[in-house]
Protein backbone atom coordinates (compact mmCIF):
# COMPACT_ATOMS: atom_id res chain seq x y z
CA MET A 1 -44.26 411.71 151.98
CA PRO A 2 -42.98 412.27 155.57
CA ASN A 3 -44.82 414.62 157.73
CA ASN A 4 -48.15 414.26 155.23
CA PRO A 5 -50.99 413.16 157.36
CA GLU A 6 -52.76 412.32 154.60
CA PHE A 7 -50.01 409.20 154.25
CA ASP A 8 -49.47 408.70 157.79
CA GLU A 9 -49.15 404.91 158.18
CA THR A 10 -50.40 405.25 162.26
CA PRO A 11 -53.52 403.84 162.95
CA SER A 12 -56.38 406.62 164.55
CA VAL A 13 -58.07 405.05 167.44
CA PRO A 14 -61.43 407.09 168.26
CA GLU A 15 -61.72 408.35 171.52
CA VAL A 16 -64.14 406.62 173.91
CA PRO A 17 -65.87 408.63 176.12
CA ASP A 18 -66.43 407.88 179.56
CA ALA A 19 -68.98 405.18 179.88
CA ALA A 20 -71.46 404.78 182.96
CA PRO A 21 -70.63 401.88 184.91
CA ARG A 22 -72.26 398.41 183.67
CA THR A 23 -74.98 396.96 185.40
CA ALA A 24 -76.97 393.13 184.98
CA ARG A 25 -79.81 396.15 184.01
CA ASP A 26 -78.19 396.27 180.53
CA LEU A 27 -77.57 393.04 180.29
CA GLU A 28 -81.38 392.34 180.07
CA ALA A 29 -82.00 391.30 176.38
CA VAL A 30 -79.25 388.31 176.32
CA PHE A 31 -80.83 386.56 180.27
CA ASP A 32 -83.41 384.18 177.85
CA ILE A 33 -80.78 382.89 175.31
CA PRO A 34 -79.81 379.27 175.77
CA VAL A 35 -75.96 378.54 176.76
CA THR A 36 -74.56 375.10 176.37
CA VAL A 37 -72.00 374.50 179.87
CA SER A 38 -69.56 371.18 180.06
CA ALA A 39 -67.41 370.17 182.41
CA VAL A 40 -65.21 368.15 181.19
CA LEU A 41 -63.42 366.28 183.72
CA GLY A 42 -60.84 364.99 181.10
CA LYS A 43 -59.56 363.30 177.60
CA ALA A 44 -58.51 360.44 176.27
CA THR A 45 -57.13 358.92 172.98
CA ILE A 46 -57.92 355.20 171.62
CA GLN A 47 -58.42 353.81 168.75
CA VAL A 48 -61.65 352.62 167.81
CA ASN A 49 -60.32 348.68 167.95
CA GLN A 50 -60.17 349.62 171.57
CA LEU A 51 -63.42 351.66 171.95
CA LEU A 52 -65.55 348.58 170.84
CA LYS A 53 -63.82 346.64 173.30
CA LEU A 54 -65.48 348.63 176.23
CA GLY A 55 -67.74 347.03 177.91
CA ARG A 56 -69.70 347.88 181.44
CA GLY A 57 -67.37 348.79 184.04
CA ALA A 58 -64.24 349.17 181.29
CA VAL A 59 -62.18 351.83 182.87
CA VAL A 60 -60.74 354.54 180.64
CA GLU A 61 -58.03 356.69 181.63
CA LEU A 62 -58.04 360.26 181.34
CA ASP A 63 -55.53 362.75 181.22
CA ARG A 64 -56.25 364.44 184.70
CA LYS A 65 -54.95 363.21 188.13
CA LEU A 66 -56.92 363.29 190.86
CA GLY A 67 -58.27 366.33 192.47
CA GLU A 68 -57.14 368.29 189.43
CA ALA A 69 -59.92 370.96 188.48
CA ILE A 70 -61.73 370.49 185.53
CA ASP A 71 -62.59 372.77 182.65
CA ILE A 72 -65.72 374.45 182.21
CA TYR A 73 -66.78 375.61 178.70
CA VAL A 74 -70.00 377.56 178.01
CA ASN A 75 -70.74 377.12 174.45
CA ASN A 76 -67.35 375.40 173.46
CA ARG A 77 -65.11 378.17 174.56
CA LEU A 78 -63.17 378.07 178.15
CA ILE A 79 -64.37 379.82 180.14
CA ALA A 80 -63.63 378.79 184.05
CA ARG A 81 -61.99 376.44 185.99
CA GLY A 82 -63.34 374.55 189.00
CA GLU A 83 -64.57 370.90 190.98
CA VAL A 84 -67.15 368.50 191.55
CA VAL A 85 -69.38 368.59 193.99
CA MET A 86 -72.97 366.23 195.16
CA VAL A 87 -75.42 368.37 195.15
CA ASP A 88 -77.80 365.57 196.81
CA ASP A 89 -77.60 362.45 197.41
CA ASN A 90 -77.39 362.05 193.76
CA ARG A 91 -76.22 364.19 191.53
CA LEU A 92 -73.03 365.90 190.80
CA GLY A 93 -72.67 369.62 190.33
CA VAL A 94 -69.47 372.04 189.66
CA THR A 95 -68.17 374.95 191.74
CA MET A 96 -66.15 377.53 189.97
CA THR A 97 -62.82 378.18 191.67
CA GLU A 98 -60.96 380.49 188.48
CA ILE A 99 -62.36 382.32 185.66
CA VAL A 100 -60.13 382.08 182.94
CA LYS A 101 -59.53 385.38 181.30
CA SER A 102 -60.33 385.75 177.77
CA ASP A 103 -58.43 388.09 175.34
CA ARG A 104 -61.50 389.10 173.48
CA ILE A 105 -63.09 392.05 175.28
CA LEU A 106 -66.78 392.36 175.57
């Protein structure tokens, strides 16, 4: 069945008309949706019996080195990397240093 357009297995891609540039106003509908933001300093794997032996002042070694970027997740999805910073005298924050590119198209 060569050259028969009814049986052409090549997928067609619909043409998208030129869209106007997106602005913050386009996102107003989602501004009030809560999201969970997590900053992961590092990870460790230990056995339950070791976990039960931990007490105040115990140190758990993480898989990151001092000064290495931390991972920033939004709703359990990695979106950026950053550094821990001091916000006030007794509060910590995270500054984003790198946005992680996604394969997903928004």
